[in-house]
Amino acid sequence: MEQDDIFKALADPTRRRIFDKLSAGAMNASALREGIAISQPAMSQHLSVLRGAGLVREERQGRYVNYEVNPDGLAEIALWLGKYRAYWPARIDALRDLLKEMDQ
């Protein structure tokens, strides 16, 4: 799983919506389609992309397949974002200092 795959998968608004729905808990494809105007084949394709990116995993229960968020995929996103967390507070502090200087 590569970060590029994760961000490409989440670049599509329909896949983001599916991913958001799964954050509430495991669901089958039919439940995921509720409220989203797409066909079953389109839902299968979106789920395939999300699985390929490592963001979603599936669990078979008899003839049904339930999908859920894969915590490993979320960890990959968190690691990437973590690199930038230290950057913004320092930038905001520098901006605040600059604005104070300009006021004087």
PDB file of N, CA and C in Angstrom:
ATOM      1  N   MET A   1       0.850  -1.173   0.000  1.00  0.00           N
ATOM      2  CA  MET A   1       0.000   0.000   0.000  1.00  0.00           C
ATOM      3  C   MET A   1       0.891   1.230   0.000  1.00  0.00           C
ATOM      4  N   GLU A   2       0.620   2.132  -0.904  1.00  0.00           N
ATOM      5  CA  GLU A   2       1.388   3.355  -1.000  1.00  0.00           C
ATOM      6  C   GLU A   2       0.498   4.542  -0.687  1.00  0.00           C
ATOM      7  N   GLN A   3       1.119   5.600  -0.177  1.00  0.00           N
ATOM      8  CA  GLN A   3       0.358   6.801   0.140  1.00  0.00           C
ATOM      9  C   GLN A   3      -0.343   7.353  -1.097  1.00  0.00           C
ATOM     10  N   ASP A   4       0.319   7.275  -2.255  1.00  0.00           N
ATOM     11  CA  ASP A   4      -0.311   7.766  -3.479  1.00  0.00           C
ATOM     12  C   ASP A   4      -1.626   7.044  -3.750  1.00  0.00           C
ATOM     13  N   ASP A   5      -1.660   5.730  -3.514  1.00  0.00           N
ATOM     14  CA  ASP A   5      -2.886   4.953  -3.723  1.00  0.00           C
ATOM     15  C   ASP A   5      -3.997   5.423  -2.780  1.00  0.00           C
ATOM     16  N   ILE A   6      -3.611   5.718  -1.550  1.00  0.00           N
ATOM     17  CA  ILE A   6      -4.595   6.173  -0.561  1.00  0.00           C
ATOM     18  C   ILE A   6      -5.201   7.498  -1.002  1.00  0.00           C
ATOM     19  N   PHE A   7      -4.348   8.445  -1.371  1.00  0.00           N
ATOM     20  CA  PHE A   7      -4.861   9.761  -1.736  1.00  0.00           C
ATOM     21  C   PHE A   7      -5.607   9.742  -3.067  1.00  0.00           C
ATOM     22  N   LYS A   8      -5.191   8.889  -3.988  1.00  0.00           N
ATOM     23  CA  LYS A   8      -5.949   8.741  -5.238  1.00  0.00           C
ATOM     24  C   LYS A   8      -7.334   8.168  -4.953  1.00  0.00           C
ATOM     25  N   ALA A   9      -7.384   7.186  -4.056  1.00  0.00           N
ATOM     26  CA  ALA A   9      -8.672   6.571  -3.712  1.00  0.00           C
ATOM     27  C   ALA A   9      -9.603   7.597  -3.075  1.00  0.00           C
ATOM     28  N   LEU A  10      -9.070   8.435  -2.199  1.00  0.00           N
ATOM     29  CA  LEU A  10      -9.895   9.416  -1.496  1.00  0.00           C
ATOM     30  C   LEU A  10     -10.154  10.683  -2.309  1.00  0.00           C
ATOM     31  N   ALA A  11      -9.506  10.801  -3.455  1.00  0.00           N
ATOM     32  CA  ALA A  11      -9.724  11.974  -4.305  1.00  0.00           C
ATOM     33  C   ALA A  11     -11.125  11.979  -4.909  1.00  0.00           C
ATOM     34  N   ASP A  12     -11.723  10.823  -5.050  1.00  0.00           N
ATOM     35  CA  ASP A  12     -13.058  10.720  -5.634  1.00  0.00           C
ATOM     36  C   ASP A  12     -14.117  10.995  -4.553  1.00  0.00           C
ATOM     37  N   PRO A  13     -15.031  11.935  -4.792  1.00  0.00           N
ATOM     38  CA  PRO A  13     -16.029  12.277  -3.770  1.00  0.00           C
ATOM     39  C   PRO A  13     -16.955  11.121  -3.392  1.00  0.00           C
ATOM     40  N   THR A  14     -17.267  10.253  -4.333  1.00  0.00           N
ATOM     41  CA  THR A  14     -18.122   9.105  -4.009  1.00  0.00           C
ATOM     42  C   THR A  14     -17.394   8.155  -3.075  1.00  0.00           C
ATOM     43  N   ARG A  15     -16.112   7.916  -3.330  1.00  0.00           N
ATOM     44  CA  ARG A  15     -15.347   7.024  -2.445  1.00  0.00           C
ATOM     45  C   ARG A  15     -15.185   7.638  -1.053  1.00  0.00           C
ATOM     46  N   ARG A  16     -15.012   8.963  -0.990  1.00  0.00           N
ATOM     47  CA  ARG A  16     -14.938   9.611   0.325  1.00  0.00           C
ATOM     48  C   ARG A  16     -16.248   9.428   1.078  1.00  0.00           C
ATOM     49  N   ARG A  17     -17.356   9.533   0.361  1.00  0.00           N
ATOM     50  CA  ARG A  17     -18.667   9.358   0.990  1.00  0.00           C
ATOM     51  C   ARG A  17     -18.839   7.926   1.504  1.00  0.00           C
ATOM     52  N   ILE A  18     -18.411   6.956   0.710  1.00  0.00           N
ATOM     53  CA  ILE A  18     -18.473   5.552   1.126  1.00  0.00           C
ATOM     54  C   ILE A  18     -17.599   5.346   2.361  1.00  0.00           C
ATOM     55  N   PHE A  19     -16.397   5.893   2.312  1.00  0.00           N
ATOM     56  CA  PHE A  19     -15.463   5.763   3.435  1.00  0.00           C
ATOM     57  C   PHE A  19     -16.056   6.400   4.695  1.00  0.00           C
ATOM     58  N   ASP A  20     -16.681   7.567   4.545  1.00  0.00           N
ATOM     59  CA  ASP A  20     -17.331   8.231   5.677  1.00  0.00           C
ATOM     60  C   ASP A  20     -18.440   7.365   6.262  1.00  0.00           C
ATOM     61  N   LYS A  21     -19.243   6.756   5.386  1.00  0.00           N
ATOM     62  CA  LYS A  21     -20.330   5.890   5.874  1.00  0.00           C
ATOM     63  C   LYS A  21     -19.772   4.716   6.663  1.00  0.00           C
ATOM     64  N   LEU A  22     -18.643   4.187   6.208  1.00  0.00           N
ATOM     65  CA  LEU A  22     -18.051   3.040   6.900  1.00  0.00           C
ATOM     66  C   LEU A  22     -17.441   3.421   8.248  1.00  0.00           C
ATOM     67  N   SER A  23     -17.197   4.699   8.451  1.00  0.00           N
ATOM     68  CA  SER A  23     -16.659   5.112   9.748  1.00  0.00           C
ATOM     69  C   SER A  23     -17.663   4.878  10.876  1.00  0.00           C
ATOM     70  N   ALA A  24     -18.944   4.719  10.521  1.00  0.00           N
ATOM     71  CA  ALA A  24     -19.981   4.433  11.505  1.00  0.00           C
ATOM     72  C   ALA A  24     -20.016   2.949  11.879  1.00  0.00           C
ATOM     73  N   GLY A  25     -19.363   2.105  11.085  1.00  0.00           N
ATOM     74  CA  GLY A  25     -19.348   0.675  11.360  1.00  0.00           C
ATOM     75  C   GLY A  25     -19.459  -0.141  10.082  1.00  0.00           C
ATOM     76  N   ALA A  26     -19.301  -1.431  10.216  1.00  0.00           N
ATOM     77  CA  ALA A  26     -19.313  -2.342   9.073  1.00  0.00           C
ATOM     78  C   ALA A  26     -20.685  -2.345   8.398  1.00  0.00           C
ATOM     79  N   MET A  27     -20.663  -2.433   7.061  1.00  0.00           N
ATOM     80  CA  MET A  27     -21.901  -2.477   6.270  1.00  0.00           C
ATOM     81  C   MET A  27     -21.676  -3.336   5.038  1.00  0.00           C
ATOM     82  N   ASN A  28     -22.773  -3.851   4.502  1.00  0.00           N
ATOM     83  CA  ASN A  28     -22.677  -4.541   3.221  1.00  0.00           C
ATOM     84  C   ASN A  28     -22.870  -3.517   2.100  1.00  0.00           C
ATOM     85  N   ALA A  29     -22.635  -3.932   0.874  1.00  0.00           N
ATOM     86  CA  ALA A  29     -22.690  -3.013  -0.268  1.00  0.00           C
ATOM     87  C   ALA A  29     -24.072  -2.408  -0.454  1.00  0.00           C
ATOM     88  N   SER A  30     -25.115  -3.176  -0.184  1.00  0.00           N
ATOM     89  CA  SER A  30     -26.481  -2.647  -0.335  1.00  0.00           C
ATOM     90  C   SER A  30     -26.741  -1.514   0.648  1.00  0.00           C
ATOM     91  N   ALA A  31     -26.319  -1.684   1.881  1.00  0.00           N
ATOM     92  CA  ALA A  31     -26.493  -0.628   2.886  1.00  0.00           C
ATOM     93  C   ALA A  31     -25.660   0.598   2.524  1.00  0.00           C
ATOM     94  N   LEU A  32     -24.475   0.361   1.978  1.00  0.00           N
ATOM     95  CA  LEU A  32     -23.616   1.478   1.575  1.00  0.00           C
ATOM     96  C   LEU A  32     -24.234   2.288   0.435  1.00  0.00           C
ATOM     97  N   ARG A  33     -24.969   1.620  -0.443  1.00  0.00           N
ATOM     98  CA  ARG A  33     -25.580   2.308  -1.594  1.00  0.00           C
ATOM     99  C   ARG A  33     -26.735   3.215  -1.194  1.00  0.00           C
ATOM    100  N   GLU A  34     -27.326   2.989  -0.023  1.00  0.00           N
ATOM    101  CA  GLU A  34     -28.459   3.812   0.408  1.00  0.00           C
ATOM    102  C   GLU A  34     -28.021   5.271   0.487  1.00  0.00           C
ATOM    103  N   GLY A  35     -28.756   6.131  -0.209  1.00  0.00           N
ATOM    104  CA  GLY A  35     -28.459   7.554  -0.200  1.00  0.00           C
ATOM    105  C   GLY A  35     -27.397   7.976  -1.204  1.00  0.00           C
ATOM    106  N   ILE A  36     -26.839   7.014  -1.930  1.00  0.00           N
ATOM    107  CA  ILE A  36     -25.849   7.321  -2.960  1.00  0.00           C
ATOM    108  C   ILE A  36     -26.403   6.792  -4.279  1.00  0.00           C
ATOM    109  N   ALA A  37     -26.581   7.648  -5.236  1.00  0.00           N
ATOM    110  CA  ALA A  37     -27.200   7.262  -6.509  1.00  0.00           C
ATOM    111  C   ALA A  37     -26.179   6.646  -7.458  1.00  0.00           C
ATOM    112  N   ILE A  38     -25.776   5.396  -7.156  1.00  0.00           N
ATOM    113  CA  ILE A  38     -24.878   4.660  -8.044  1.00  0.00           C
ATOM    114  C   ILE A  38     -25.369   3.226  -8.170  1.00  0.00           C
ATOM    115  N   SER A  39     -24.946   2.586  -9.233  1.00  0.00           N
ATOM    116  CA  SER A  39     -25.342   1.195  -9.478  1.00  0.00           C
ATOM    117  C   SER A  39     -24.522   0.250  -8.599  1.00  0.00           C
ATOM    118  N   GLN A  40     -24.985  -0.982  -8.522  1.00  0.00           N
ATOM    119  CA  GLN A  40     -24.244  -1.995  -7.767  1.00  0.00           C
ATOM    120  C   GLN A  40     -22.850  -2.225  -8.368  1.00  0.00           C
ATOM    121  N   PRO A  41     -22.725  -2.326  -9.712  1.00  0.00           N
ATOM    122  CA  PRO A  41     -21.383  -2.494 -10.283  1.00  0.00           C
ATOM    123  C   PRO A  41     -20.453  -1.312  -9.957  1.00  0.00           C
ATOM    124  N   ALA A  42     -21.007  -0.091  -9.966  1.00  0.00           N
ATOM    125  CA  ALA A  42     -20.190   1.082  -9.628  1.00  0.00           C
ATOM    126  C   ALA A  42     -19.746   1.020  -8.171  1.00  0.00           C
ATOM    127  N   MET A  43     -20.649   0.594  -7.274  1.00  0.00           N
ATOM    128  CA  MET A  43     -20.291   0.448  -5.858  1.00  0.00           C
ATOM    129  C   MET A  43     -19.180  -0.583  -5.711  1.00  0.00           C
ATOM    130  N   SER A  44     -19.283  -1.682  -6.438  1.00  0.00           N
ATOM    131  CA  SER A  44     -18.242  -2.719  -6.382  1.00  0.00           C
ATOM    132  C   SER A  44     -16.890  -2.171  -6.827  1.00  0.00           C
ATOM    133  N   GLN A  45     -16.901  -1.351  -7.872  1.00  0.00           N
ATOM    134  CA  GLN A  45     -15.646  -0.755  -8.344  1.00  0.00           C
ATOM    135  C   GLN A  45     -15.055   0.189  -7.305  1.00  0.00           C
ATOM    136  N   HIS A  46     -15.887   1.023  -6.706  1.00  0.00           N
ATOM    137  CA  HIS A  46     -15.401   1.947  -5.681  1.00  0.00           C
ATOM    138  C   HIS A  46     -14.827   1.182  -4.482  1.00  0.00           C
ATOM    139  N   LEU A  47     -15.524   0.130  -4.063  1.00  0.00           N
ATOM    140  CA  LEU A  47     -15.040  -0.672  -2.941  1.00  0.00           C
ATOM    141  C   LEU A  47     -13.724  -1.368  -3.289  1.00  0.00           C
ATOM    142  N   SER A  48     -13.595  -1.789  -4.533  1.00  0.00           N
ATOM    143  CA  SER A  48     -12.355  -2.421  -4.986  1.00  0.00           C
ATOM    144  C   SER A  48     -11.173  -1.449  -4.895  1.00  0.00           C
ATOM    145  N   VAL A  49     -11.397  -0.204  -5.288  1.00  0.00           N
ATOM    146  CA  VAL A  49     -10.333   0.815  -5.212  1.00  0.00           C
ATOM    147  C   VAL A  49      -9.967   1.070  -3.752  1.00  0.00           C
ATOM    148  N   LEU A  50     -10.979   1.200  -2.894  1.00  0.00           N
ATOM    149  CA  LEU A  50     -10.713   1.437  -1.471  1.00  0.00           C
ATOM    150  C   LEU A  50      -9.984   0.260  -0.825  1.00  0.00           C
ATOM    151  N   ARG A  51     -10.354  -0.953  -1.214  1.00  0.00           N
ATOM    152  CA  ARG A  51      -9.649  -2.141  -0.706  1.00  0.00           C
ATOM    153  C   ARG A  51      -8.214  -2.167  -1.210  1.00  0.00           C
ATOM    154  N   GLY A  52      -8.029  -1.871  -2.487  1.00  0.00           N
ATOM    155  CA  GLY A  52      -6.691  -1.872  -3.072  1.00  0.00           C
ATOM    156  C   GLY A  52      -5.763  -0.863  -2.427  1.00  0.00           C
ATOM    157  N   ALA A  53      -6.332   0.247  -1.949  1.00  0.00           N
ATOM    158  CA  ALA A  53      -5.541   1.273  -1.278  1.00  0.00           C
ATOM    159  C   ALA A  53      -5.309   0.937   0.190  1.00  0.00           C
ATOM    160  N   GLY A  54      -5.943  -0.133   0.649  1.00  0.00           N
ATOM    161  CA  GLY A  54      -5.771  -0.539   2.044  1.00  0.00           C
ATOM    162  C   GLY A  54      -6.637   0.236   3.023  1.00  0.00           C
ATOM    163  N   LEU A  55      -7.636   0.950   2.519  1.00  0.00           N
ATOM    164  CA  LEU A  55      -8.496   1.754   3.389  1.00  0.00           C
ATOM    165  C   LEU A  55      -9.703   0.984   3.913  1.00  0.00           C
ATOM    166  N   VAL A  56     -10.075  -0.064   3.197  1.00  0.00           N
ATOM    167  CA  VAL A  56     -11.265  -0.840   3.549  1.00  0.00           C
ATOM    168  C   VAL A  56     -10.908  -2.316   3.497  1.00  0.00           C
ATOM    169  N   ARG A  57     -11.482  -3.066   4.398  1.00  0.00           N
ATOM    170  CA  ARG A  57     -11.314  -4.528   4.349  1.00  0.00           C
ATOM    171  C   ARG A  57     -12.696  -5.155   4.340  1.00  0.00           C
ATOM    172  N   GLU A  58     -12.734  -6.393   3.886  1.00  0.00           N
ATOM    173  CA  GLU A  58     -14.019  -7.081   3.794  1.00  0.00           C
ATOM    174  C   GLU A  58     -13.996  -8.337   4.632  1.00  0.00           C
ATOM    175  N   GLU A  59     -15.178  -8.712   5.087  1.00  0.00           N
ATOM    176  CA  GLU A  59     -15.336  -9.940   5.857  1.00  0.00           C
ATOM    177  C   GLU A  59     -16.564 -10.662   5.339  1.00  0.00           C
ATOM    178  N   ARG A  60     -16.369 -11.878   4.908  1.00  0.00           N
ATOM    179  CA  ARG A  60     -17.479 -12.683   4.380  1.00  0.00           C
ATOM    180  C   ARG A  60     -18.207 -13.361   5.530  1.00  0.00           C
ATOM    181  N   GLN A  61     -19.535 -13.258   5.476  1.00  0.00           N
ATOM    182  CA  GLN A  61     -20.386 -13.938   6.442  1.00  0.00           C
ATOM    183  C   GLN A  61     -21.458 -14.656   5.645  1.00  0.00           C
ATOM    184  N   GLY A  62     -21.196 -15.920   5.365  1.00  0.00           N
ATOM    185  CA  GLY A  62     -22.099 -16.681   4.503  1.00  0.00           C
ATOM    186  C   GLY A  62     -22.038 -16.130   3.095  1.00  0.00           C
ATOM    187  N   ARG A  63     -23.192 -15.781   2.552  1.00  0.00           N
ATOM    188  CA  ARG A  63     -23.201 -15.240   1.197  1.00  0.00           C
ATOM    189  C   ARG A  63     -23.094 -13.719   1.170  1.00  0.00           C
ATOM    190  N   TYR A  64     -22.993 -13.119   2.342  1.00  0.00           N
ATOM    191  CA  TYR A  64     -22.874 -11.659   2.441  1.00  0.00           C
ATOM    192  C   TYR A  64     -21.435 -11.248   2.694  1.00  0.00           C
ATOM    193  N   VAL A  65     -21.119 -10.042   2.231  1.00  0.00           N
ATOM    194  CA  VAL A  65     -19.801  -9.456   2.469  1.00  0.00           C
ATOM    195  C   VAL A  65     -20.018  -8.126   3.183  1.00  0.00           C
ATOM    196  N   ASN A  66     -19.385  -7.992   4.333  1.00  0.00           N
ATOM    197  CA  ASN A  66     -19.429  -6.730   5.056  1.00  0.00           C
ATOM    198  C   ASN A  66     -18.103  -6.014   4.866  1.00  0.00           C
ATOM    199  N   TYR A  67     -18.169  -4.715   4.739  1.00  0.00           N
ATOM    200  CA  TYR A  67     -16.982  -3.883   4.559  1.00  0.00           C
ATOM    201  C   TYR A  67     -16.818  -3.007   5.787  1.00  0.00           C
ATOM    202  N   GLU A  68     -15.566  -2.743   6.143  1.00  0.00           N
ATOM    203  CA  GLU A  68     -15.283  -1.865   7.261  1.00  0.00           C
ATOM    204  C   GLU A  68     -13.978  -1.124   7.018  1.00  0.00           C
ATOM    205  N   VAL A  69     -13.797  -0.033   7.733  1.00  0.00           N
ATOM    206  CA  VAL A  69     -12.563   0.751   7.624  1.00  0.00           C
ATOM    207  C   VAL A  69     -11.406  -0.105   8.116  1.00  0.00           C
ATOM    208  N   ASN A  70     -10.312  -0.078   7.385  1.00  0.00           N
ATOM    209  CA  ASN A  70      -9.107  -0.795   7.770  1.00  0.00           C
ATOM    210  C   ASN A  70      -8.223   0.149   8.586  1.00  0.00           C
ATOM    211  N   PRO A  71      -8.012  -0.123   9.869  1.00  0.00           N
ATOM    212  CA  PRO A  71      -7.199   0.766  10.703  1.00  0.00           C
ATOM    213  C   PRO A  71      -5.771   0.961  10.181  1.00  0.00           C
ATOM    214  N   ASP A  72      -5.239  -0.033   9.488  1.00  0.00           N
ATOM    215  CA  ASP A  72      -3.883   0.111   8.941  1.00  0.00           C
ATOM    216  C   ASP A  72      -3.817   1.219   7.894  1.00  0.00           C
ATOM    217  N   GLY A  73      -4.863   1.342   7.088  1.00  0.00           N
ATOM    218  CA  GLY A  73      -4.910   2.411   6.096  1.00  0.00           C
ATOM    219  C   GLY A  73      -4.994   3.776   6.756  1.00  0.00           C
ATOM    220  N   LEU A  74      -5.755   3.851   7.843  1.00  0.00           N
ATOM    221  CA  LEU A  74      -5.850   5.105   8.586  1.00  0.00           C
ATOM    222  C   LEU A  74      -4.515   5.462   9.227  1.00  0.00           C
ATOM    223  N   ALA A  75      -3.798   4.455   9.692  1.00  0.00           N
ATOM    224  CA  ALA A  75      -2.483   4.708  10.299  1.00  0.00           C
ATOM    225  C   ALA A  75      -1.534   5.313   9.276  1.00  0.00           C
ATOM    226  N   GLU A  76      -1.617   4.859   8.049  1.00  0.00           N
ATOM    227  CA  GLU A  76      -0.766   5.391   6.977  1.00  0.00           C
ATOM    228  C   GLU A  76      -1.049   6.875   6.744  1.00  0.00           C
ATOM    229  N   ILE A  77      -2.323   7.245   6.763  1.00  0.00           N
ATOM    230  CA  ILE A  77      -2.705   8.648   6.607  1.00  0.00           C
ATOM    231  C   ILE A  77      -2.204   9.462   7.802  1.00  0.00           C
ATOM    232  N   ALA A  78      -2.379   8.922   8.996  1.00  0.00           N
ATOM    233  CA  ALA A  78      -1.956   9.628  10.208  1.00  0.00           C
ATOM    234  C   ALA A  78      -0.448   9.862  10.213  1.00  0.00           C
ATOM    235  N   LEU A  79       0.318   8.888   9.749  1.00  0.00           N
ATOM    236  CA  LEU A  79       1.777   9.064   9.672  1.00  0.00           C
ATOM    237  C   LEU A  79       2.141  10.198   8.723  1.00  0.00           C
ATOM    238  N   TRP A  80       1.473  10.250   7.591  1.00  0.00           N
ATOM    239  CA  TRP A  80       1.755  11.295   6.621  1.00  0.00           C
ATOM    240  C   TRP A  80       1.411  12.672   7.190  1.00  0.00           C
ATOM    241  N   LEU A  81       0.238  12.776   7.813  1.00  0.00           N
ATOM    242  CA  LEU A  81      -0.183  14.050   8.392  1.00  0.00           C
ATOM    243  C   LEU A  81       0.709  14.464   9.560  1.00  0.00           C
ATOM    244  N   GLY A  82       1.212  13.492  10.289  1.00  0.00           N
ATOM    245  CA  GLY A  82       2.070  13.764  11.438  1.00  0.00           C
ATOM    246  C   GLY A  82       3.307  14.565  11.082  1.00  0.00           C
ATOM    247  N   LYS A  83       3.809  14.373   9.878  1.00  0.00           N
ATOM    248  CA  LYS A  83       4.999  15.117   9.449  1.00  0.00           C
ATOM    249  C   LYS A  83       4.733  16.614   9.399  1.00  0.00           C
ATOM    250  N   TYR A  84       3.487  17.003   9.211  1.00  0.00           N
ATOM    251  CA  TYR A  84       3.139  18.407   9.030  1.00  0.00           C
ATOM    252  C   TYR A  84       2.562  19.064  10.280  1.00  0.00           C
ATOM    253  N   ARG A  85       2.286  18.277  11.301  1.00  0.00           N
ATOM    254  CA  ARG A  85       1.700  18.838  12.522  1.00  0.00           C
ATOM    255  C   ARG A  85       2.629  19.846  13.188  1.00  0.00           C
ATOM    256  N   ALA A  86       3.910  19.575  13.208  1.00  0.00           N
ATOM    257  CA  ALA A  86       4.862  20.479  13.847  1.00  0.00           C
ATOM    258  C   ALA A  86       5.064  21.748  13.023  1.00  0.00           C
ATOM    259  N   TYR A  87       4.834  21.678  11.757  1.00  0.00           N
ATOM    260  CA  TYR A  87       5.068  22.798  10.848  1.00  0.00           C
ATOM    261  C   TYR A  87       4.116  23.962  11.108  1.00  0.00           C
ATOM    262  N   TRP A  88       2.833  23.689  11.228  1.00  0.00           N
ATOM    263  CA  TRP A  88       1.838  24.762  11.304  1.00  0.00           C
ATOM    264  C   TRP A  88       1.904  25.595  12.572  1.00  0.00           C
ATOM    265  N   PRO A  89       2.044  25.037  13.764  1.00  0.00           N
ATOM    266  CA  PRO A  89       2.122  25.904  14.950  1.00  0.00           C
ATOM    267  C   PRO A  89       3.271  26.909  14.867  1.00  0.00           C
ATOM    268  N   ALA A  90       4.427  26.483  14.368  1.00  0.00           N
ATOM    269  CA  ALA A  90       5.559  27.400  14.238  1.00  0.00           C
ATOM    270  C   ALA A  90       5.240  28.503  13.233  1.00  0.00           C
ATOM    271  N   ARG A  91       4.589  28.176  12.145  1.00  0.00           N
ATOM    272  CA  ARG A  91       4.219  29.164  11.135  1.00  0.00           C
ATOM    273  C   ARG A  91       3.189  30.154  11.684  1.00  0.00           C
ATOM    274  N   ILE A  92       2.240  29.663  12.420  1.00  0.00           N
ATOM    275  CA  ILE A  92       1.218  30.540  12.993  1.00  0.00           C
ATOM    276  C   ILE A  92       1.842  31.471  14.022  1.00  0.00           C
ATOM    277  N   ASP A  93       2.763  30.940  14.845  1.00  0.00           N
ATOM    278  CA  ASP A  93       3.464  31.789  15.819  1.00  0.00           C
ATOM    279  C   ASP A  93       4.261  32.878  15.112  1.00  0.00           C
ATOM    280  N   ALA A  94       4.938  32.535  14.020  1.00  0.00           N
ATOM    281  CA  ALA A  94       5.710  33.522  13.263  1.00  0.00           C
ATOM    282  C   ALA A  94       4.798  34.593  12.670  1.00  0.00           C
ATOM    283  N   LEU A  95       3.642  34.190  12.176  1.00  0.00           N
ATOM    284  CA  LEU A  95       2.682  35.145  11.622  1.00  0.00           C
ATOM    285  C   LEU A  95       2.166  36.080  12.718  1.00  0.00           C
ATOM    286  N   ARG A  96       1.863  35.540  13.864  1.00  0.00           N
ATOM    287  CA  ARG A  96       1.387  36.350  14.986  1.00  0.00           C
ATOM    288  C   ARG A  96       2.441  37.381  15.384  1.00  0.00           C
ATOM    289  N   ASP A  97       3.712  36.942  15.448  1.00  0.00           N
ATOM    290  CA  ASP A  97       4.805  37.860  15.786  1.00  0.00           C
ATOM    291  C   ASP A  97       4.929  38.965  14.741  1.00  0.00           C
ATOM    292  N   LEU A  98       4.817  38.599  13.482  1.00  0.00           N
ATOM    293  CA  LEU A  98       4.904  39.579  12.403  1.00  0.00           C
ATOM    294  C   LEU A  98       3.778  40.613  12.499  1.00  0.00           C
ATOM    295  N   LEU A  99       2.571  40.127  12.761  1.00  0.00           N
ATOM    296  CA  LEU A  99       1.434  41.030  12.882  1.00  0.00           C
ATOM    297  C   LEU A  99       1.577  41.977  14.071  1.00  0.00           C
ATOM    298  N   LYS A 100       2.126  41.484  15.172  1.00  0.00           N
ATOM    299  CA  LYS A 100       2.385  42.347  16.326  1.00  0.00           C
ATOM    300  C   LYS A 100       3.395  43.426  15.986  1.00  0.00           C
ATOM    301  N   GLU A 101       4.442  43.042  15.264  1.00  0.00           N
ATOM    302  CA  GLU A 101       5.457  44.010  14.835  1.00  0.00           C
ATOM    303  C   GLU A 101       4.852  45.067  13.936  1.00  0.00           C
ATOM    304  N   MET A 102       3.978  44.670  13.050  1.00  0.00           N
ATOM    305  CA  MET A 102       3.352  45.607  12.121  1.00  0.00           C
ATOM    306  C   MET A 102       2.440  46.582  12.855  1.00  0.00           C
ATOM    307  N   ASP A 103       1.829  46.175  13.957  1.00  0.00           N
ATOM    308  CA  ASP A 103       0.950  47.031  14.731  1.00  0.00           C
ATOM    309  C   ASP A 103       1.724  48.113  15.477  1.00  0.00           C
ATOM    310  N   GLN A 104       2.981  47.847  15.773  1.00  0.00           N
ATOM    311  CA  GLN A 104       3.772  48.792  16.573  1.00  0.00           C
ATOM    312  C   GLN A 104       4.307  49.910  15.778  1.00  0.00           C
TER     313      GLN A 104
END
